[in-house]
Amino acid sequence: MFVGTYYTPGLGACGVTNGEADYIVAVSRTLYDTYPGATPNPNLNPICGKKLRATYNGRSVVVAVEDKCWDCAGTYDLDFTIAAMEQLVDNPVAVGRIYGVEWSWI
């Protein structure tokens, strides 16, 4: 189980500009940079656009990878947009971090 946080997106590592209402996620820089096929150009990383399902306390959300999280301590921690994190917890701004997130590629 892993940690989930939220962030305000913009121009992500995948080269796409996203907003708070988008269902996207940033994966840890470790996972992003070591994903099979990763190149020195982060915009060309094959992890970009890959979808995953994250689950927390019986609630789940499907998100696409569009960014890398510089502050994620664990290799499999995730940084969600507010809209995506709202699918997992009520009032994510007040909650801040959620411990025990499970996720898998879809």
C-alpha atoms as a PDB file:
ATOM      1  CA  MET A   1       0.000   0.000   0.000  1.00  0.00           C
ATOM      2  CA  PHE A   2       1.186   3.436  -0.880  1.00  0.00           C
ATOM      3  CA  VAL A   3       0.717   7.151  -0.161  1.00  0.00           C
ATOM      4  CA  GLY A   4      -1.543   9.414  -2.188  1.00  0.00           C
ATOM      5  CA  THR A   5      -1.304  13.201  -2.260  1.00  0.00           C
ATOM      6  CA  TYR A   6      -2.748  15.931  -4.469  1.00  0.00           C
ATOM      7  CA  TYR A   7      -1.194  18.687  -6.542  1.00  0.00           C
ATOM      8  CA  THR A   8      -2.110  21.469  -8.933  1.00  0.00           C
ATOM      9  CA  PRO A   9      -1.094  20.349 -12.419  1.00  0.00           C
ATOM     10  CA  GLY A  10       0.152  22.435 -15.303  1.00  0.00           C
ATOM     11  CA  LEU A  11       2.598  21.483 -18.023  1.00  0.00           C
ATOM     12  CA  GLY A  12       3.589  17.967 -16.984  1.00  0.00           C
ATOM     13  CA  ALA A  13       6.653  15.848 -17.641  1.00  0.00           C
ATOM     14  CA  CYS A  14       4.786  14.164 -20.506  1.00  0.00           C
ATOM     15  CA  GLY A  15       4.563  17.507 -22.321  1.00  0.00           C
ATOM     16  CA  VAL A  16       0.796  17.913 -21.847  1.00  0.00           C
ATOM     17  CA  THR A  17      -0.895  20.786 -20.007  1.00  0.00           C
ATOM     18  CA  ASN A  18      -3.599  19.575 -17.617  1.00  0.00           C
ATOM     19  CA  GLY A  19      -5.934  21.235 -15.142  1.00  0.00           C
ATOM     20  CA  GLU A  20      -7.364  20.440 -11.714  1.00  0.00           C
ATOM     21  CA  ALA A  21     -10.507  18.882 -13.228  1.00  0.00           C
ATOM     22  CA  ASP A  22      -8.542  16.314 -15.248  1.00  0.00           C
ATOM     23  CA  TYR A  23      -8.283  12.744 -14.010  1.00  0.00           C
ATOM     24  CA  ILE A  24      -4.528  12.449 -14.134  1.00  0.00           C
ATOM     25  CA  VAL A  25      -1.757  11.404 -11.804  1.00  0.00           C
ATOM     26  CA  ALA A  26       1.936  12.046 -11.321  1.00  0.00           C
ATOM     27  CA  VAL A  27       3.999   8.974 -10.474  1.00  0.00           C
ATOM     28  CA  SER A  28       7.208   9.129  -8.466  1.00  0.00           C
ATOM     29  CA  ARG A  29      10.274  10.313 -10.332  1.00  0.00           C
ATOM     30  CA  THR A  30      11.856   6.928  -9.588  1.00  0.00           C
ATOM     31  CA  LEU A  31       9.053   5.027 -11.324  1.00  0.00           C
ATOM     32  CA  TYR A  32       8.854   7.585 -14.144  1.00  0.00           C
ATOM     33  CA  ASP A  33      12.583   7.576 -14.868  1.00  0.00           C
ATOM     34  CA  THR A  34      13.032   3.789 -14.655  1.00  0.00           C
ATOM     35  CA  TYR A  35       9.907   2.770 -16.568  1.00  0.00           C
ATOM     36  CA  PRO A  36      10.859   0.369 -19.401  1.00  0.00           C
ATOM     37  CA  GLY A  37      11.633   2.347 -22.539  1.00  0.00           C
ATOM     38  CA  ALA A  38      12.199   5.661 -20.725  1.00  0.00           C
ATOM     39  CA  THR A  39      14.404   8.049 -22.702  1.00  0.00           C
ATOM     40  CA  PRO A  40      16.293  11.229 -21.762  1.00  0.00           C
ATOM     41  CA  ASN A  41      13.348  13.167 -23.253  1.00  0.00           C
ATOM     42  CA  PRO A  42      10.581  12.852 -20.621  1.00  0.00           C
ATOM     43  CA  ASN A  43       7.915  13.708 -23.218  1.00  0.00           C
ATOM     44  CA  LEU A  44       8.667  10.420 -24.987  1.00  0.00           C
ATOM     45  CA  ASN A  45       8.386   8.173 -21.929  1.00  0.00           C
ATOM     46  CA  PRO A  46       6.075   5.228 -22.700  1.00  0.00           C
ATOM     47  CA  ILE A  47       4.519   5.602 -19.231  1.00  0.00           C
ATOM     48  CA  CYS A  48       2.804   8.774 -20.487  1.00  0.00           C
ATOM     49  CA  GLY A  49      -0.915   8.225 -20.983  1.00  0.00           C
ATOM     50  CA  LYS A  50      -0.872   4.812 -19.316  1.00  0.00           C
ATOM     51  CA  LYS A  51      -3.938   4.284 -17.148  1.00  0.00           C
ATOM     52  CA  LEU A  52      -4.149   2.928 -13.659  1.00  0.00           C
ATOM     53  CA  ARG A  53      -6.894   2.259 -11.146  1.00  0.00           C
ATOM     54  CA  ALA A  54      -6.245   3.562  -7.637  1.00  0.00           C
ATOM     55  CA  THR A  55      -8.320   2.332  -4.697  1.00  0.00           C
ATOM     56  CA  TYR A  56      -8.670   3.653  -1.162  1.00  0.00           C
ATOM     57  CA  ASN A  57     -11.205   2.574   1.474  1.00  0.00           C
ATOM     58  CA  GLY A  58     -13.466   0.934  -1.106  1.00  0.00           C
ATOM     59  CA  ARG A  59     -13.475   3.919  -3.474  1.00  0.00           C
ATOM     60  CA  SER A  60     -11.604   3.938  -6.767  1.00  0.00           C
ATOM     61  CA  VAL A  61     -10.650   6.186  -9.654  1.00  0.00           C
ATOM     62  CA  VAL A  62      -9.094   5.609 -13.075  1.00  0.00           C
ATOM     63  CA  VAL A  63      -6.392   8.117 -13.989  1.00  0.00           C
ATOM     64  CA  ALA A  64      -3.810   8.588 -16.731  1.00  0.00           C
ATOM     65  CA  VAL A  65      -0.131   9.199 -16.013  1.00  0.00           C
ATOM     66  CA  GLU A  66       0.803  12.665 -17.294  1.00  0.00           C
ATOM     67  CA  ASP A  67       3.510  13.849 -14.904  1.00  0.00           C
ATOM     68  CA  LYS A  68       6.271  12.919 -12.488  1.00  0.00           C
ATOM     69  CA  CYS A  69       6.119  13.639  -8.762  1.00  0.00           C
ATOM     70  CA  TRP A  70       9.348  15.090  -7.400  1.00  0.00           C
ATOM     71  CA  ASP A  71       8.192  14.932  -3.770  1.00  0.00           C
ATOM     72  CA  CYS A  72       6.839  11.375  -3.725  1.00  0.00           C
ATOM     73  CA  ALA A  73       9.068   9.499  -1.280  1.00  0.00           C
ATOM     74  CA  GLY A  74       8.000   5.977  -2.210  1.00  0.00           C
ATOM     75  CA  THR A  75       8.552   4.478  -5.646  1.00  0.00           C
ATOM     76  CA  TYR A  76       4.840   3.655  -6.006  1.00  0.00           C
ATOM     77  CA  ASP A  77       3.343   6.740  -4.325  1.00  0.00           C
ATOM     78  CA  LEU A  78       0.939   8.823  -6.425  1.00  0.00           C
ATOM     79  CA  ASP A  79       0.145  12.537  -6.719  1.00  0.00           C
ATOM     80  CA  PHE A  80      -3.441  13.122  -7.930  1.00  0.00           C
ATOM     81  CA  THR A  81      -5.288  16.132  -9.261  1.00  0.00           C
ATOM     82  CA  ILE A  82      -7.966  17.428  -6.887  1.00  0.00           C
ATOM     83  CA  ALA A  83     -10.731  16.016  -9.114  1.00  0.00           C
ATOM     84  CA  ALA A  84      -9.171  12.563  -9.085  1.00  0.00           C
ATOM     85  CA  MET A  85      -8.461  12.570  -5.356  1.00  0.00           C
ATOM     86  CA  GLU A  86     -12.060  13.640  -4.643  1.00  0.00           C
ATOM     87  CA  GLN A  87     -13.078  10.235  -5.979  1.00  0.00           C
ATOM     88  CA  LEU A  88     -11.056   8.616  -3.183  1.00  0.00           C
ATOM     89  CA  VAL A  89     -11.741  10.931  -0.215  1.00  0.00           C
ATOM     90  CA  ASP A  90     -14.075  13.744   0.707  1.00  0.00           C
ATOM     91  CA  ASN A  91     -12.335  17.126   0.987  1.00  0.00           C
ATOM     92  CA  PRO A  92      -8.826  16.163  -0.158  1.00  0.00           C
ATOM     93  CA  VAL A  93      -7.466  19.599   0.745  1.00  0.00           C
ATOM     94  CA  ALA A  94      -8.276  18.995   4.414  1.00  0.00           C
ATOM     95  CA  VAL A  95      -7.073  15.382   4.301  1.00  0.00           C
ATOM     96  CA  GLY A  96      -3.806  16.139   2.485  1.00  0.00           C
ATOM     97  CA  ARG A  97      -2.262  12.658   2.456  1.00  0.00           C
ATOM     98  CA  ILE A  98      -3.907   9.285   2.314  1.00  0.00           C
ATOM     99  CA  TYR A  99      -2.037   6.229   3.486  1.00  0.00           C
ATOM    100  CA  GLY A 100      -2.923   2.796   2.163  1.00  0.00           C
ATOM    101  CA  VAL A 101      -3.638   3.533  -1.492  1.00  0.00           C
ATOM    102  CA  GLU A 102      -3.556   0.460  -3.709  1.00  0.00           C
ATOM    103  CA  TRP A 103      -3.217   0.684  -7.460  1.00  0.00           C
ATOM    104  CA  SER A 104      -2.658  -1.367 -10.597  1.00  0.00           C
ATOM    105  CA  TRP A 105      -2.169  -0.748 -14.299  1.00  0.00           C
ATOM    106  CA  ILE A 106      -5.216  -1.249 -16.514  1.00  0.00           C
END
